[in-house]
Amino acid sequence: MNPVTGLALGRIVIGVGALAAPDLASKVFRLDGENNKQLPYMTRMFASREIVLGAVTLASKGKARRQLVAVGIAVDGADAFAGYDAMRSGAVTNQTGIGLVAPAVGAMIAGAIGLFSRG
């Protein structure tokens, strides 16, 4: 499977899961939803972003698709920074921070591979 298609489908799946079950998504990401009642709202905002970015990437072609992949790389970079900053500030444990940063960096790498691959 093309890495861009795989990444876009992954965004949609993660987004739908987080939108449908934000409390479960918070637990998967090891975030404290019990003591932060606003977390489901923020999780659903993340979810809708992922669904839309994945869907428009799948629907696009050519230059528009490459631009959307670049936008996705930037979004994932911001997510990686947010995870790192949460870990650095002590808002999350190091283990949780790594669990937040690693998938974002992985998505950046997959996006870059898709952006620069031919075919």
C-alpha atoms as a PDB file:
ATOM      1  CA  MET A   1       0.000   0.000   0.000  1.00  0.00           C
ATOM      2  CA  ASN A   2       1.164   3.504  -0.785  1.00  0.00           C
ATOM      3  CA  PRO A   3       2.402   5.166   2.444  1.00  0.00           C
ATOM      4  CA  VAL A   4       0.199   8.217   1.854  1.00  0.00           C
ATOM      5  CA  THR A   5      -2.903   6.057   1.488  1.00  0.00           C
ATOM      6  CA  GLY A   6      -1.970   4.034   4.567  1.00  0.00           C
ATOM      7  CA  LEU A   7      -1.348   7.157   6.609  1.00  0.00           C
ATOM      8  CA  ALA A   8      -4.624   8.745   5.459  1.00  0.00           C
ATOM      9  CA  LEU A   9      -6.584   5.589   6.304  1.00  0.00           C
ATOM     10  CA  GLY A  10      -4.826   5.407   9.676  1.00  0.00           C
ATOM     11  CA  ARG A  11      -5.821   9.002  10.410  1.00  0.00           C
ATOM     12  CA  ILE A  12      -9.451   8.206   9.623  1.00  0.00           C
ATOM     13  CA  VAL A  13      -9.501   5.050  11.766  1.00  0.00           C
ATOM     14  CA  ILE A  14      -7.852   6.774  14.737  1.00  0.00           C
ATOM     15  CA  GLY A  15     -10.122   9.781  14.304  1.00  0.00           C
ATOM     16  CA  VAL A  16     -13.326   7.757  14.151  1.00  0.00           C
ATOM     17  CA  GLY A  17     -12.269   5.775  17.215  1.00  0.00           C
ATOM     18  CA  ALA A  18     -11.417   8.908  19.184  1.00  0.00           C
ATOM     19  CA  LEU A  19     -14.612  10.659  18.096  1.00  0.00           C
ATOM     20  CA  ALA A  20     -16.806   7.686  19.017  1.00  0.00           C
ATOM     21  CA  ALA A  21     -15.048   6.831  22.285  1.00  0.00           C
ATOM     22  CA  PRO A  22     -13.006   9.776  23.566  1.00  0.00           C
ATOM     23  CA  ASP A  23     -12.642   8.267  27.042  1.00  0.00           C
ATOM     24  CA  LEU A  24     -11.158   5.088  25.585  1.00  0.00           C
ATOM     25  CA  ALA A  25      -8.870   7.124  23.312  1.00  0.00           C
ATOM     26  CA  SER A  26      -7.636   9.065  26.342  1.00  0.00           C
ATOM     27  CA  LYS A  27      -6.807   5.790  28.071  1.00  0.00           C
ATOM     28  CA  VAL A  28      -4.995   4.482  24.978  1.00  0.00           C
ATOM     29  CA  PHE A  29      -2.892   7.664  24.947  1.00  0.00           C
ATOM     30  CA  ARG A  30      -2.440   7.264  28.737  1.00  0.00           C
ATOM     31  CA  LEU A  31      -3.964  10.664  29.499  1.00  0.00           C
ATOM     32  CA  ASP A  32      -5.825  11.425  32.731  1.00  0.00           C
ATOM     33  CA  GLY A  33      -9.426  11.810  31.628  1.00  0.00           C
ATOM     34  CA  GLU A  34     -10.722  11.110  35.111  1.00  0.00           C
ATOM     35  CA  ASN A  35      -9.237  14.306  36.548  1.00  0.00           C
ATOM     36  CA  ASN A  36      -9.708  16.388  33.402  1.00  0.00           C
ATOM     37  CA  LYS A  37     -13.371  16.513  32.426  1.00  0.00           C
ATOM     38  CA  GLN A  38     -12.587  18.668  29.374  1.00  0.00           C
ATOM     39  CA  LEU A  39     -10.354  15.984  27.832  1.00  0.00           C
ATOM     40  CA  PRO A  40     -13.181  14.327  25.830  1.00  0.00           C
ATOM     41  CA  TYR A  41     -13.828  17.678  24.137  1.00  0.00           C
ATOM     42  CA  MET A  42     -10.166  18.090  23.184  1.00  0.00           C
ATOM     43  CA  THR A  43      -9.995  14.458  22.083  1.00  0.00           C
ATOM     44  CA  ARG A  44     -12.953  14.975  19.765  1.00  0.00           C
ATOM     45  CA  MET A  45     -11.305  18.092  18.303  1.00  0.00           C
ATOM     46  CA  PHE A  46      -8.204  15.985  17.577  1.00  0.00           C
ATOM     47  CA  ALA A  47     -10.448  13.271  16.130  1.00  0.00           C
ATOM     48  CA  SER A  48     -12.281  15.557  13.728  1.00  0.00           C
ATOM     49  CA  ARG A  49      -8.978  16.991  12.498  1.00  0.00           C
ATOM     50  CA  GLU A  50      -7.622  13.514  11.812  1.00  0.00           C
ATOM     51  CA  ILE A  51     -10.780  12.377  10.001  1.00  0.00           C
ATOM     52  CA  VAL A  52     -10.895  15.437   7.757  1.00  0.00           C
ATOM     53  CA  LEU A  53      -7.165  15.433   6.991  1.00  0.00           C
ATOM     54  CA  GLY A  54      -7.284  11.729   6.139  1.00  0.00           C
ATOM     55  CA  ALA A  55     -10.422  12.048   3.997  1.00  0.00           C
ATOM     56  CA  VAL A  56      -9.307  15.059   1.975  1.00  0.00           C
ATOM     57  CA  THR A  57      -5.914  13.444   1.411  1.00  0.00           C
ATOM     58  CA  LEU A  58      -7.601  10.311   0.050  1.00  0.00           C
ATOM     59  CA  ALA A  59      -9.885  12.400  -2.164  1.00  0.00           C
ATOM     60  CA  SER A  60      -7.096  14.543  -3.605  1.00  0.00           C
ATOM     61  CA  LYS A  61      -4.649  13.912  -6.424  1.00  0.00           C
ATOM     62  CA  GLY A  62      -1.403  15.343  -7.754  1.00  0.00           C
ATOM     63  CA  LYS A  63      -0.128  18.631  -6.393  1.00  0.00           C
ATOM     64  CA  ALA A  64      -3.060  19.061  -3.995  1.00  0.00           C
ATOM     65  CA  ARG A  65      -2.337  15.656  -2.471  1.00  0.00           C
ATOM     66  CA  ARG A  66       1.354  16.494  -2.024  1.00  0.00           C
ATOM     67  CA  GLN A  67       0.386  19.755  -0.335  1.00  0.00           C
ATOM     68  CA  LEU A  68      -1.977  17.927   2.023  1.00  0.00           C
ATOM     69  CA  VAL A  69       0.754  15.438   2.890  1.00  0.00           C
ATOM     70  CA  ALA A  70       3.026  18.380   3.718  1.00  0.00           C
ATOM     71  CA  VAL A  71       0.273  19.856   5.914  1.00  0.00           C
ATOM     72  CA  GLY A  72      -0.036  16.479   7.647  1.00  0.00           C
ATOM     73  CA  ILE A  73       3.706  16.408   8.295  1.00  0.00           C
ATOM     74  CA  ALA A  74       3.452  19.866   9.872  1.00  0.00           C
ATOM     75  CA  VAL A  75       0.468  18.817  12.011  1.00  0.00           C
ATOM     76  CA  ASP A  76       2.300  15.691  13.148  1.00  0.00           C
ATOM     77  CA  GLY A  77       5.360  17.802  13.935  1.00  0.00           C
ATOM     78  CA  ALA A  78       3.212  20.049  16.114  1.00  0.00           C
ATOM     79  CA  ASP A  79       1.782  16.962  17.826  1.00  0.00           C
ATOM     80  CA  ALA A  80       5.292  15.615  18.449  1.00  0.00           C
ATOM     81  CA  PHE A  81       6.332  18.945  19.948  1.00  0.00           C
ATOM     82  CA  ALA A  82       3.208  19.025  22.136  1.00  0.00           C
ATOM     83  CA  GLY A  83       3.980  15.542  23.443  1.00  0.00           C
ATOM     84  CA  TYR A  84       7.603  16.448  24.090  1.00  0.00           C
ATOM     85  CA  ASP A  85       6.626  19.677  25.828  1.00  0.00           C
ATOM     86  CA  ALA A  86       4.078  17.868  28.016  1.00  0.00           C
ATOM     87  CA  MET A  87       6.798  15.412  29.011  1.00  0.00           C
ATOM     88  CA  ARG A  88       9.359  18.171  29.596  1.00  0.00           C
ATOM     89  CA  SER A  89       6.983  20.187  31.765  1.00  0.00           C
ATOM     90  CA  GLY A  90       5.932  17.176  33.824  1.00  0.00           C
ATOM     91  CA  ALA A  91       2.323  17.265  32.599  1.00  0.00           C
ATOM     92  CA  VAL A  92       2.752  13.622  31.558  1.00  0.00           C
ATOM     93  CA  THR A  93       5.236  10.959  32.586  1.00  0.00           C
ATOM     94  CA  ASN A  94       8.230  10.235  30.389  1.00  0.00           C
ATOM     95  CA  GLN A  95       6.682   6.914  29.379  1.00  0.00           C
ATOM     96  CA  THR A  96       3.429   8.616  28.353  1.00  0.00           C
ATOM     97  CA  GLY A  97       5.338  11.394  26.592  1.00  0.00           C
ATOM     98  CA  ILE A  98       7.292   8.886  24.537  1.00  0.00           C
ATOM     99  CA  GLY A  99       3.991   7.190  23.698  1.00  0.00           C
ATOM    100  CA  LEU A 100       2.682  10.521  22.419  1.00  0.00           C
ATOM    101  CA  VAL A 101       5.820  11.581  20.544  1.00  0.00           C
ATOM    102  CA  ALA A 102       6.674   8.266  18.855  1.00  0.00           C
ATOM    103  CA  PRO A 103       3.501   7.889  16.744  1.00  0.00           C
ATOM    104  CA  ALA A 104       3.661  11.534  15.695  1.00  0.00           C
ATOM    105  CA  VAL A 105       7.270  11.139  14.562  1.00  0.00           C
ATOM    106  CA  GLY A 106       6.336   7.881  12.834  1.00  0.00           C
ATOM    107  CA  ALA A 107       3.551   9.673  10.972  1.00  0.00           C
ATOM    108  CA  MET A 108       6.007  12.409   9.965  1.00  0.00           C
ATOM    109  CA  ILE A 109       8.373   9.781   8.577  1.00  0.00           C
ATOM    110  CA  ALA A 110       5.573   7.973   6.722  1.00  0.00           C
ATOM    111  CA  GLY A 111       4.402  11.282   5.294  1.00  0.00           C
ATOM    112  CA  ALA A 112       7.916  12.213   4.177  1.00  0.00           C
ATOM    113  CA  ILE A 113       8.385   8.810   2.534  1.00  0.00           C
ATOM    114  CA  GLY A 114       5.094   9.269   0.707  1.00  0.00           C
ATOM    115  CA  LEU A 115       5.898  12.848  -0.236  1.00  0.00           C
ATOM    116  CA  PHE A 116       9.272  12.031  -1.728  1.00  0.00           C
ATOM    117  CA  SER A 117       8.558   8.603  -3.226  1.00  0.00           C
ATOM    118  CA  ARG A 118       7.782   8.200  -6.886  1.00  0.00           C
ATOM    119  CA  GLY A 119       4.702   6.310  -7.949  1.00  0.00           C
END
